[in-house]
């Protein structure tokens, strides 16, 4: 998995060097693996836009890179303990989206058997991407991770509507469950004699 992740990160870096749009967005619990972090630094230095939602441990140093790019890291700690891992790569417009069992930690990437699965169903990929994008809209529970490793609550701009990720996800889950129940109730099952 680590080799594939580094390949995907380096692919974005190469596209950025060629002047193409390049973006990495990811959601995980922890980011600690040195090789992955170094690949992310190189990608940012090449011009890749990088946004990470890391709930817990983050050993990547945020802040401006030599070219002025900033790797943005947001942490959201809220009511529910989340374990979702979603990785997005722009991939020259042919978006690559993955779900995984592993955080970007050495213990997961080098010492365990973990899975990273591409999501190829368009509807599911769009749903997961919308969840990933929502991580960076939270202005209630989210904190920006600062270059010195501390965190700072994101402050809503004057007049900006409050957006809380877990509240949004809960509402979406309830809406989808209601839609599914409504759909189930509308289905007719033919009666067959025994």
N, C-alpha and C. Protein backbone atom coordinates (compact mmCIF):
# COMPACT_ATOMS: atom_id res chain seq x y z
N UNK A 1 0.82 -1.20 0.00
CA UNK A 1 0.00 0.00 0.00
C UNK A 1 0.86 1.26 0.00
N UNK A 2 1.97 1.25 0.76
CA UNK A 2 2.81 2.45 0.82
C UNK A 2 3.38 2.78 -0.55
N UNK A 3 3.85 1.77 -1.25
CA UNK A 3 4.42 2.01 -2.59
C UNK A 3 3.38 2.63 -3.51
N UNK A 4 2.15 2.14 -3.45
CA UNK A 4 1.08 2.68 -4.29
C UNK A 4 0.74 4.11 -3.90
N UNK A 5 0.67 4.40 -2.60
CA UNK A 5 0.40 5.76 -2.15
C UNK A 5 1.48 6.73 -2.61
N UNK A 6 2.74 6.32 -2.47
CA UNK A 6 3.84 7.18 -2.90
C UNK A 6 3.78 7.39 -4.41
N UNK A 7 3.45 6.33 -5.14
CA UNK A 7 3.29 6.44 -6.60
C UNK A 7 2.20 7.46 -6.96
N UNK A 8 1.07 7.41 -6.25
CA UNK A 8 -0.03 8.34 -6.51
C UNK A 8 0.35 9.78 -6.15
N UNK A 9 1.05 9.95 -5.03
CA UNK A 9 1.50 11.28 -4.61
C UNK A 9 2.50 11.83 -5.62
N UNK A 10 3.46 10.99 -6.03
CA UNK A 10 4.46 11.43 -7.00
C UNK A 10 3.83 11.72 -8.36
N UNK A 11 2.77 11.00 -8.71
CA UNK A 11 2.06 11.27 -9.96
C UNK A 11 1.45 12.67 -9.95
N UNK A 12 0.89 13.07 -8.81
CA UNK A 12 0.35 14.43 -8.70
C UNK A 12 1.47 15.46 -8.80
N UNK A 13 2.61 15.16 -8.17
CA UNK A 13 3.75 16.09 -8.22
C UNK A 13 4.23 16.27 -9.66
N UNK A 14 4.31 15.19 -10.41
CA UNK A 14 4.75 15.27 -11.80
C UNK A 14 3.77 16.09 -12.64
N UNK A 15 2.49 15.90 -12.43
CA UNK A 15 1.49 16.70 -13.17
C UNK A 15 1.63 18.18 -12.83
N UNK A 16 1.85 18.48 -11.55
CA UNK A 16 2.03 19.88 -11.15
C UNK A 16 3.26 20.48 -11.81
N UNK A 17 4.35 19.72 -11.88
CA UNK A 17 5.57 20.22 -12.53
C UNK A 17 5.33 20.51 -14.00
N UNK A 18 4.40 19.78 -14.61
CA UNK A 18 4.08 19.98 -16.03
C UNK A 18 3.01 21.06 -16.22
N UNK A 19 2.63 21.72 -15.13
CA UNK A 19 1.67 22.81 -15.22
C UNK A 19 0.22 22.37 -15.22
N UNK A 20 -0.04 21.10 -14.95
CA UNK A 20 -1.41 20.59 -14.91
C UNK A 20 -1.99 20.76 -13.51
N UNK A 21 -3.33 20.79 -13.40
CA UNK A 21 -3.94 20.82 -12.06
C UNK A 21 -3.56 19.56 -11.29
N UNK A 22 -3.24 19.72 -10.03
CA UNK A 22 -2.84 18.57 -9.21
C UNK A 22 -3.37 18.79 -7.79
N UNK A 23 -4.00 17.75 -7.26
CA UNK A 23 -4.63 17.90 -5.94
C UNK A 23 -4.64 16.57 -5.20
N UNK A 24 -4.40 16.64 -3.91
CA UNK A 24 -4.52 15.50 -3.01
C UNK A 24 -5.38 15.94 -1.84
N UNK A 25 -6.36 15.12 -1.52
CA UNK A 25 -7.23 15.38 -0.38
C UNK A 25 -7.42 14.05 0.34
N UNK A 26 -7.30 14.05 1.66
CA UNK A 26 -7.39 12.78 2.38
C UNK A 26 -7.97 12.98 3.77
N UNK A 27 -8.63 11.92 4.23
CA UNK A 27 -9.21 11.87 5.58
C UNK A 27 -8.68 10.63 6.26
N UNK A 28 -8.13 10.79 7.46
CA UNK A 28 -7.58 9.66 8.20
C UNK A 28 -7.51 10.00 9.68
N UNK A 29 -7.14 9.02 10.47
CA UNK A 29 -6.97 9.27 11.90
C UNK A 29 -5.58 9.80 12.23
N UNK A 30 -4.55 9.25 11.58
CA UNK A 30 -3.18 9.60 11.95
C UNK A 30 -2.27 9.65 10.73
N UNK A 31 -1.29 10.55 10.80
CA UNK A 31 -0.27 10.69 9.74
C UNK A 31 1.08 10.77 10.43
N UNK A 32 1.86 9.69 10.25
CA UNK A 32 3.15 9.62 10.95
C UNK A 32 4.27 9.08 10.08
N UNK A 33 3.98 8.38 8.99
CA UNK A 33 5.01 7.72 8.20
C UNK A 33 5.92 8.74 7.51
N UNK A 34 7.22 8.64 7.75
CA UNK A 34 8.20 9.61 7.24
C UNK A 34 8.25 9.62 5.72
N UNK A 35 8.20 8.44 5.09
CA UNK A 35 8.28 8.38 3.63
C UNK A 35 7.06 9.03 2.98
N UNK A 36 5.90 8.82 3.53
CA UNK A 36 4.68 9.45 3.02
C UNK A 36 4.76 10.96 3.22
N UNK A 37 5.18 11.39 4.41
CA UNK A 37 5.29 12.82 4.70
C UNK A 37 6.29 13.48 3.76
N UNK A 38 7.45 12.84 3.54
CA UNK A 38 8.43 13.40 2.61
C UNK A 38 7.87 13.51 1.20
N UNK A 39 7.10 12.50 0.77
CA UNK A 39 6.47 12.54 -0.56
C UNK A 39 5.47 13.69 -0.64
N UNK A 40 4.72 13.93 0.45
CA UNK A 40 3.77 15.05 0.48
C UNK A 40 4.50 16.39 0.41
N UNK A 41 5.61 16.52 1.12
CA UNK A 41 6.41 17.75 1.04
C UNK A 41 6.88 17.98 -0.39
N UNK A 42 7.41 16.94 -1.03
CA UNK A 42 7.89 17.08 -2.42
C UNK A 42 6.74 17.47 -3.34
N UNK A 43 5.57 16.88 -3.12
CA UNK A 43 4.42 17.20 -3.95
C UNK A 43 4.01 18.67 -3.77
N UNK A 44 3.96 19.13 -2.53
CA UNK A 44 3.61 20.53 -2.28
C UNK A 44 4.63 21.45 -2.92
N UNK A 45 5.92 21.08 -2.82
CA UNK A 45 6.97 21.90 -3.42
C UNK A 45 6.85 21.94 -4.95
N UNK A 46 6.27 20.89 -5.52
CA UNK A 46 6.06 20.84 -6.97
C UNK A 46 4.82 21.64 -7.38
N UNK A 47 3.98 22.00 -6.40
CA UNK A 47 2.80 22.80 -6.70
C UNK A 47 1.47 22.10 -6.50
N UNK A 48 1.47 20.93 -5.88
CA UNK A 48 0.22 20.19 -5.64
C UNK A 48 -0.55 20.84 -4.49
N UNK A 49 -1.86 21.03 -4.69
CA UNK A 49 -2.72 21.49 -3.61
C UNK A 49 -3.02 20.30 -2.71
N UNK A 50 -2.73 20.43 -1.43
CA UNK A 50 -2.92 19.32 -0.49
C UNK A 50 -3.74 19.78 0.71
N UNK A 51 -4.84 19.05 0.95
CA UNK A 51 -5.67 19.26 2.13
C UNK A 51 -5.85 17.92 2.82
N UNK A 52 -5.57 17.90 4.12
CA UNK A 52 -5.66 16.66 4.88
C UNK A 52 -6.55 16.88 6.10
N UNK A 53 -7.42 15.92 6.35
CA UNK A 53 -8.22 15.90 7.56
C UNK A 53 -7.65 14.77 8.42
N UNK A 54 -6.90 15.14 9.45
CA UNK A 54 -6.24 14.18 10.32
C UNK A 54 -6.77 14.39 11.73
N UNK A 55 -7.53 13.41 12.22
CA UNK A 55 -8.19 13.56 13.51
C UNK A 55 -7.21 13.56 14.68
N UNK A 56 -6.20 12.71 14.62
CA UNK A 56 -5.31 12.53 15.78
C UNK A 56 -3.87 12.94 15.49
N UNK A 57 -2.96 11.99 15.61
CA UNK A 57 -1.54 12.24 15.47
C UNK A 57 -1.22 12.75 14.06
N UNK A 58 -0.47 13.85 14.00
CA UNK A 58 -0.02 14.38 12.71
C UNK A 58 1.42 14.86 12.86
N UNK A 59 2.34 14.16 12.20
CA UNK A 59 3.76 14.51 12.28
C UNK A 59 4.22 15.38 11.10
N UNK A 60 3.30 15.72 10.20
CA UNK A 60 3.63 16.60 9.08
C UNK A 60 3.62 18.04 9.58
N UNK A 61 4.63 18.78 9.22
CA UNK A 61 4.70 20.19 9.62
C UNK A 61 3.97 21.03 8.58
N UNK A 62 2.95 21.72 9.03
CA UNK A 62 2.17 22.56 8.12
C UNK A 62 2.90 23.88 7.90
N UNK A 63 2.26 24.77 7.19
CA UNK A 63 2.85 26.09 6.95
C UNK A 63 3.38 26.20 5.54
N UNK A 64 3.81 27.41 5.17
CA UNK A 64 4.25 27.66 3.80
C UNK A 64 5.48 26.84 3.43
N UNK A 65 5.45 26.32 2.21
CA UNK A 65 6.60 25.62 1.63
C UNK A 65 7.46 26.67 0.91
N UNK A 66 8.66 26.30 0.44
CA UNK A 66 9.51 27.28 -0.23
C UNK A 66 8.85 28.00 -1.41
N UNK A 67 7.91 27.32 -2.09
CA UNK A 67 7.24 27.94 -3.24
C UNK A 67 5.98 28.70 -2.85
N UNK A 68 5.72 28.80 -1.54
CA UNK A 68 4.54 29.52 -1.08
C UNK A 68 3.31 28.64 -0.88
N UNK A 69 3.34 27.41 -1.39
CA UNK A 69 2.21 26.49 -1.19
C UNK A 69 2.10 26.14 0.29
N UNK A 70 0.90 25.85 0.72
CA UNK A 70 0.66 25.47 2.10
C UNK A 70 -0.06 24.12 2.11
N UNK A 71 0.45 23.19 2.89
CA UNK A 71 -0.28 21.94 3.11
C UNK A 71 -1.23 22.24 4.27
N UNK A 72 -2.52 22.15 3.98
CA UNK A 72 -3.51 22.45 5.01
C UNK A 72 -3.88 21.16 5.73
N UNK A 73 -3.81 21.18 7.05
CA UNK A 73 -4.24 20.05 7.87
C UNK A 73 -5.29 20.54 8.86
N UNK A 74 -6.44 19.88 8.81
CA UNK A 74 -7.56 20.20 9.70
C UNK A 74 -7.83 18.99 10.57
N UNK A 75 -8.08 19.22 11.84
CA UNK A 75 -8.46 18.15 12.76
C UNK A 75 -9.87 18.43 13.26
N UNK A 76 -10.69 17.38 13.26
CA UNK A 76 -12.06 17.52 13.77
C UNK A 76 -12.27 16.45 14.84
N UNK A 77 -12.49 16.90 16.06
CA UNK A 77 -12.82 15.99 17.15
C UNK A 77 -14.21 16.41 17.62
N UNK A 78 -15.14 15.46 17.55
CA UNK A 78 -16.52 15.78 17.87
C UNK A 78 -17.12 14.64 18.67
N UNK A 79 -18.42 14.55 18.70
CA UNK A 79 -19.14 13.59 19.53
C UNK A 79 -18.82 12.14 19.20
N UNK A 80 -18.73 11.81 17.92
CA UNK A 80 -18.52 10.43 17.50
C UNK A 80 -17.06 10.19 17.12
N UNK A 81 -16.58 9.02 17.48
CA UNK A 81 -15.23 8.62 17.11
C UNK A 81 -15.29 8.10 15.68
N UNK A 82 -14.60 8.76 14.78
CA UNK A 82 -14.64 8.39 13.36
C UNK A 82 -13.42 7.56 12.98
N UNK A 83 -13.62 6.63 12.06
CA UNK A 83 -12.51 5.83 11.55
C UNK A 83 -12.47 5.79 10.03
N UNK A 84 -13.18 6.70 9.39
CA UNK A 84 -13.21 6.71 7.92
C UNK A 84 -11.85 7.13 7.37
N UNK A 85 -11.43 6.42 6.34
CA UNK A 85 -10.20 6.79 5.64
C UNK A 85 -10.55 6.90 4.16
N UNK A 86 -10.44 8.10 3.63
CA UNK A 86 -10.78 8.38 2.24
C UNK A 86 -9.60 9.13 1.63
N UNK A 87 -9.13 8.66 0.48
CA UNK A 87 -7.99 9.29 -0.18
C UNK A 87 -8.38 9.67 -1.61
N UNK A 88 -8.14 10.93 -1.97
CA UNK A 88 -8.50 11.43 -3.30
C UNK A 88 -7.26 11.99 -3.99
N UNK A 89 -7.11 11.62 -5.27
CA UNK A 89 -6.04 12.14 -6.12
C UNK A 89 -6.68 12.64 -7.41
N UNK A 90 -6.34 13.87 -7.80
CA UNK A 90 -6.94 14.48 -9.00
C UNK A 90 -6.63 13.65 -10.25
N UNK A 91 -5.41 13.17 -10.34
CA UNK A 91 -4.98 12.21 -11.38
C UNK A 91 -5.30 12.70 -12.80
N UNK A 92 -4.92 13.93 -13.08
CA UNK A 92 -5.10 14.47 -14.43
C UNK A 92 -6.56 14.59 -14.85
N UNK A 93 -7.46 14.74 -13.89
CA UNK A 93 -8.88 14.83 -14.18
C UNK A 93 -9.59 13.48 -14.16
N UNK A 94 -8.82 12.41 -14.17
CA UNK A 94 -9.37 11.04 -14.07
C UNK A 94 -9.29 10.64 -12.59
N UNK A 95 -10.13 11.27 -11.79
CA UNK A 95 -10.04 11.18 -10.34
C UNK A 95 -9.90 9.74 -9.84
N UNK A 96 -9.01 9.59 -8.86
CA UNK A 96 -8.80 8.31 -8.20
C UNK A 96 -9.22 8.49 -6.74
N UNK A 97 -10.18 7.69 -6.30
CA UNK A 97 -10.66 7.78 -4.93
C UNK A 97 -10.59 6.41 -4.30
N UNK A 98 -10.11 6.36 -3.07
CA UNK A 98 -9.90 5.10 -2.36
C UNK A 98 -10.51 5.17 -0.97
N UNK A 99 -10.95 4.02 -0.47
CA UNK A 99 -11.23 3.86 0.95
C UNK A 99 -10.19 2.87 1.46
N UNK A 100 -9.88 2.96 2.74
CA UNK A 100 -8.81 2.11 3.25
C UNK A 100 -9.02 1.76 4.71
N UNK A 101 -8.33 0.73 5.13
CA UNK A 101 -8.35 0.33 6.54
C UNK A 101 -7.21 0.97 7.31
N UNK A 102 -6.25 1.55 6.60
CA UNK A 102 -5.01 2.00 7.25
C UNK A 102 -4.87 3.51 7.28
N UNK A 103 -4.34 3.99 8.40
CA UNK A 103 -3.86 5.37 8.46
C UNK A 103 -2.49 5.40 7.80
N UNK A 104 -1.98 6.61 7.58
CA UNK A 104 -0.65 6.75 6.97
C UNK A 104 0.41 6.73 8.07
N UNK A 105 0.51 5.57 8.71
CA UNK A 105 1.48 5.34 9.78
C UNK A 105 2.36 4.16 9.41
N UNK A 106 3.61 4.19 9.84
CA UNK A 106 4.55 3.11 9.53
C UNK A 106 4.02 1.77 10.02
N UNK A 107 3.46 1.74 11.20
CA UNK A 107 2.96 0.47 11.74
C UNK A 107 1.87 -0.12 10.84
N UNK A 108 1.06 0.73 10.21
CA UNK A 108 0.01 0.25 9.32
C UNK A 108 0.56 -0.11 7.95
N UNK A 109 1.47 0.71 7.44
CA UNK A 109 1.93 0.56 6.06
C UNK A 109 3.06 -0.45 5.90
N UNK A 110 3.82 -0.70 6.97
CA UNK A 110 4.96 -1.62 6.86
C UNK A 110 4.81 -2.90 7.67
N UNK A 111 3.96 -2.89 8.69
CA UNK A 111 3.95 -4.00 9.63
C UNK A 111 2.63 -4.74 9.74
N UNK A 112 1.63 -4.34 8.96
CA UNK A 112 0.32 -4.99 9.04
C UNK A 112 -0.21 -5.28 7.65
N UNK A 113 -1.18 -6.14 7.61
CA UNK A 113 -1.90 -6.38 6.36
C UNK A 113 -3.10 -5.44 6.38
N UNK A 114 -3.13 -4.51 5.46
CA UNK A 114 -4.20 -3.51 5.37
C UNK A 114 -4.73 -3.47 3.94
N UNK A 115 -5.87 -2.86 3.77
CA UNK A 115 -6.48 -2.77 2.44
C UNK A 115 -6.69 -1.31 2.05
N UNK A 116 -6.49 -1.04 0.76
CA UNK A 116 -6.84 0.23 0.15
C UNK A 116 -7.57 -0.14 -1.13
N UNK A 117 -8.84 0.27 -1.23
CA UNK A 117 -9.70 -0.19 -2.31
C UNK A 117 -10.12 0.99 -3.17
N UNK A 118 -9.92 0.91 -4.49
CA UNK A 118 -10.41 2.00 -5.34
C UNK A 118 -11.94 1.97 -5.41
N UNK A 119 -12.54 3.14 -5.39
CA UNK A 119 -13.99 3.24 -5.52
C UNK A 119 -14.27 3.65 -6.96
N UNK A 120 -14.79 2.72 -7.73
CA UNK A 120 -14.99 2.96 -9.16
C UNK A 120 -16.44 3.26 -9.51
N UNK A 121 -17.37 2.99 -8.62
CA UNK A 121 -18.78 3.31 -8.86
C UNK A 121 -18.93 4.83 -8.75
N UNK A 122 -19.36 5.45 -9.84
CA UNK A 122 -19.44 6.91 -9.90
C UNK A 122 -20.28 7.53 -8.80
N UNK A 123 -21.44 6.95 -8.53
CA UNK A 123 -22.34 7.50 -7.50
C UNK A 123 -21.69 7.42 -6.12
N UNK A 124 -21.07 6.28 -5.81
CA UNK A 124 -20.41 6.12 -4.51
C UNK A 124 -19.19 7.03 -4.40
N UNK A 125 -18.44 7.16 -5.49
CA UNK A 125 -17.25 8.03 -5.47
C UNK A 125 -17.66 9.48 -5.23
N UNK A 126 -18.74 9.92 -5.88
CA UNK A 126 -19.22 11.30 -5.66
C UNK A 126 -19.67 11.50 -4.22
N UNK A 127 -20.33 10.50 -3.65
CA UNK A 127 -20.78 10.58 -2.25
C UNK A 127 -19.58 10.69 -1.30
N UNK A 128 -18.59 9.86 -1.52
CA UNK A 128 -17.39 9.90 -0.67
C UNK A 128 -16.63 11.20 -0.84
N UNK A 129 -16.55 11.70 -2.07
CA UNK A 129 -15.86 12.97 -2.32
C UNK A 129 -16.61 14.11 -1.62
N UNK A 130 -17.94 14.05 -1.60
CA UNK A 130 -18.70 15.10 -0.92
C UNK A 130 -18.44 15.06 0.60
N UNK A 131 -18.28 13.86 1.14
CA UNK A 131 -17.94 13.72 2.57
C UNK A 131 -16.56 14.31 2.82
N UNK A 132 -15.62 13.97 1.95
CA UNK A 132 -14.26 14.48 2.09
C UNK A 132 -14.24 16.01 2.00
N UNK A 133 -14.94 16.56 1.02
CA UNK A 133 -15.00 18.03 0.88
C UNK A 133 -15.62 18.68 2.11
N UNK A 134 -16.63 18.01 2.69
CA UNK A 134 -17.31 18.57 3.86
C UNK A 134 -16.37 18.69 5.06
N UNK A 135 -15.36 17.84 5.13
CA UNK A 135 -14.38 17.92 6.23
C UNK A 135 -13.73 19.30 6.31
N UNK A 136 -13.57 19.93 5.16
CA UNK A 136 -12.86 21.20 5.11
C UNK A 136 -13.81 22.40 5.16
N UNK A 137 -15.11 22.10 5.36
CA UNK A 137 -16.10 23.16 5.52
C UNK A 137 -16.49 23.35 6.98
N UNK A 138 -16.12 22.38 7.84
CA UNK A 138 -16.51 22.46 9.25
C UNK A 138 -15.94 23.74 9.87
N UNK A 139 -16.81 24.53 10.45
CA UNK A 139 -16.35 25.76 11.12
C UNK A 139 -16.90 25.83 12.55
N UNK A 140 -17.24 24.66 13.08
CA UNK A 140 -17.74 24.57 14.45
C UNK A 140 -16.77 23.77 15.32
N UNK A 141 -16.39 22.57 14.87
CA UNK A 141 -15.53 21.68 15.65
C UNK A 141 -14.10 21.60 15.09
N UNK A 142 -13.86 22.13 13.92
CA UNK A 142 -12.57 21.95 13.26
C UNK A 142 -11.50 22.89 13.80
N UNK A 143 -10.28 22.38 13.76
CA UNK A 143 -9.10 23.18 14.11
C UNK A 143 -8.09 23.07 12.98
N UNK A 144 -7.40 24.17 12.69
CA UNK A 144 -6.26 24.11 11.79
C UNK A 144 -5.04 23.70 12.61
N UNK A 145 -4.23 22.80 12.06
CA UNK A 145 -2.99 22.43 12.71
C UNK A 145 -1.93 23.43 12.27
N UNK A 146 -1.29 24.08 13.23
CA UNK A 146 -0.34 25.15 12.96
C UNK A 146 1.08 24.60 12.79
N UNK A 147 1.98 25.39 12.19
CA UNK A 147 3.36 24.92 11.96
C UNK A 147 4.10 24.44 13.20
N UNK A 148 3.76 24.98 14.38
CA UNK A 148 4.46 24.56 15.60
C UNK A 148 3.82 23.33 16.24
N UNK A 149 2.79 22.76 15.57
CA UNK A 149 2.16 21.54 16.06
C UNK A 149 0.94 21.79 16.94
N UNK A 150 0.71 23.03 17.32
CA UNK A 150 -0.49 23.33 18.09
C UNK A 150 -1.68 23.45 17.14
N UNK A 151 -2.85 23.58 17.71
CA UNK A 151 -4.04 23.73 16.87
C UNK A 151 -4.77 25.00 17.25
N UNK A 152 -5.55 25.49 16.28
CA UNK A 152 -6.30 26.72 16.48
C UNK A 152 -7.70 26.52 15.90
N UNK A 153 -8.72 26.74 16.73
CA UNK A 153 -10.09 26.58 16.25
C UNK A 153 -10.34 27.48 15.04
N UNK A 154 -11.03 26.94 14.07
CA UNK A 154 -11.42 27.73 12.91
C UNK A 154 -12.55 28.65 13.36
N UNK A 155 -12.38 29.92 13.11
CA UNK A 155 -13.37 30.91 13.51
C UNK A 155 -14.23 31.26 12.30
N UNK A 156 -15.55 31.17 12.50
CA UNK A 156 -16.48 31.54 11.42
C UNK A 156 -16.35 33.01 11.10
N UNK A 157 -16.38 33.28 9.81
CA UNK A 157 -16.37 34.68 9.39
C UNK A 157 -17.74 35.29 9.70
N UNK A 158 -17.77 36.58 9.88
CA UNK A 158 -19.02 37.27 10.19
C UNK A 158 -20.04 36.99 9.09
N UNK A 159 -21.22 36.54 9.51
CA UNK A 159 -22.28 36.24 8.56
C UNK A 159 -22.21 34.85 7.95
N UNK A 160 -21.13 34.12 8.22
CA UNK A 160 -20.98 32.77 7.66
C UNK A 160 -21.84 31.79 8.45
N UNK A 161 -22.52 30.93 7.72
CA UNK A 161 -23.40 29.94 8.34
C UNK A 161 -22.56 28.85 9.03
N UNK A 162 -23.00 28.42 10.20
CA UNK A 162 -22.30 27.34 10.92
C UNK A 162 -22.43 26.03 10.15
N UNK A 163 -21.33 25.31 10.08
CA UNK A 163 -21.34 23.98 9.44
C UNK A 163 -20.54 23.03 10.33
N UNK A 164 -21.22 22.01 10.82
CA UNK A 164 -20.60 21.02 11.70
C UNK A 164 -20.63 19.67 10.99
N UNK A 165 -19.48 19.13 10.66
CA UNK A 165 -19.37 17.92 9.85
C UNK A 165 -20.22 16.77 10.38
N UNK A 166 -20.07 16.41 11.64
CA UNK A 166 -20.78 15.25 12.15
C UNK A 166 -22.29 15.46 12.17
N UNK A 167 -22.72 16.68 12.40
CA UNK A 167 -24.15 16.98 12.33
C UNK A 167 -24.66 16.79 10.90
N UNK A 168 -23.89 17.27 9.94
CA UNK A 168 -24.23 17.11 8.52
C UNK A 168 -24.30 15.63 8.15
N UNK A 169 -23.29 14.84 8.57
CA UNK A 169 -23.25 13.42 8.24
C UNK A 169 -24.42 12.67 8.89
N UNK A 170 -24.77 13.05 10.11
CA UNK A 170 -25.90 12.42 10.79
C UNK A 170 -27.20 12.70 10.05
N UNK A 171 -27.40 13.95 9.66
CA UNK A 171 -28.61 14.32 8.91
C UNK A 171 -28.66 13.56 7.58
N UNK A 172 -27.53 13.48 6.90
CA UNK A 172 -27.48 12.77 5.62
C UNK A 172 -27.80 11.29 5.80
N UNK A 173 -27.26 10.69 6.85
CA UNK A 173 -27.51 9.26 7.11
C UNK A 173 -29.00 9.03 7.38
N UNK A 174 -29.61 9.92 8.15
CA UNK A 174 -31.05 9.79 8.44
C UNK A 174 -31.88 9.97 7.18
N UNK A 175 -31.50 10.96 6.36
CA UNK A 175 -32.23 11.20 5.11
C UNK A 175 -32.13 10.00 4.18
N UNK A 176 -30.93 9.45 4.05
CA UNK A 176 -30.75 8.28 3.18
C UNK A 176 -31.51 7.07 3.71
N UNK A 177 -31.54 6.90 5.04
CA UNK A 177 -32.28 5.78 5.63
C UNK A 177 -33.78 5.93 5.37
N UNK A 178 -34.30 7.16 5.50
CA UNK A 178 -35.72 7.41 5.22
C UNK A 178 -36.04 7.14 3.76
N UNK A 179 -35.16 7.60 2.87
CA UNK A 179 -35.37 7.36 1.43
C UNK A 179 -35.40 5.87 1.14
N UNK A 180 -34.51 5.14 1.76
CA UNK A 180 -34.44 3.69 1.54
C UNK A 180 -35.71 3.01 2.07
N UNK A 181 -36.16 3.45 3.25
CA UNK A 181 -37.37 2.87 3.83
C UNK A 181 -38.58 3.18 2.95
N UNK A 182 -38.67 4.40 2.46
CA UNK A 182 -39.77 4.79 1.58
C UNK A 182 -39.74 3.94 0.30
N UNK A 183 -38.56 3.75 -0.24
CA UNK A 183 -38.39 2.93 -1.44
C UNK A 183 -38.82 1.48 -1.19
N UNK A 184 -38.43 0.96 -0.01
CA UNK A 184 -38.79 -0.41 0.35
C UNK A 184 -40.30 -0.57 0.48
N UNK A 185 -40.95 0.43 1.07
CA UNK A 185 -42.40 0.36 1.27
C UNK A 185 -43.17 0.43 -0.06
N UNK A 186 -42.57 1.04 -1.05
CA UNK A 186 -43.25 1.19 -2.34
C UNK A 186 -43.08 -0.03 -3.24
N UNK A 187 -42.21 -0.93 -2.85
CA UNK A 187 -41.97 -2.13 -3.66
C UNK A 187 -43.08 -3.15 -3.41
N UNK A 188 -43.60 -3.70 -4.47
CA UNK A 188 -44.61 -4.74 -4.35
C UNK A 188 -43.96 -6.09 -4.59
N UNK A 189 -44.24 -7.00 -3.69
CA UNK A 189 -43.73 -8.35 -3.87
C UNK A 189 -44.89 -9.24 -4.27
N UNK A 190 -44.75 -9.92 -5.40
CA UNK A 190 -45.86 -10.79 -5.84
C UNK A 190 -46.05 -11.95 -4.88
N UNK A 191 -47.29 -12.27 -4.67
CA UNK A 191 -47.62 -13.40 -3.80
C UNK A 191 -47.60 -14.68 -4.64
N UNK A 192 -46.86 -15.64 -4.18
CA UNK A 192 -46.84 -16.92 -4.90
C UNK A 192 -47.40 -17.98 -3.98
N UNK A 193 -48.33 -18.77 -4.50
CA UNK A 193 -48.92 -19.84 -3.65
C UNK A 193 -47.89 -20.90 -3.29
N UNK A 194 -48.08 -21.50 -2.16
CA UNK A 194 -47.15 -22.55 -1.70
C UNK A 194 -47.50 -23.88 -2.27
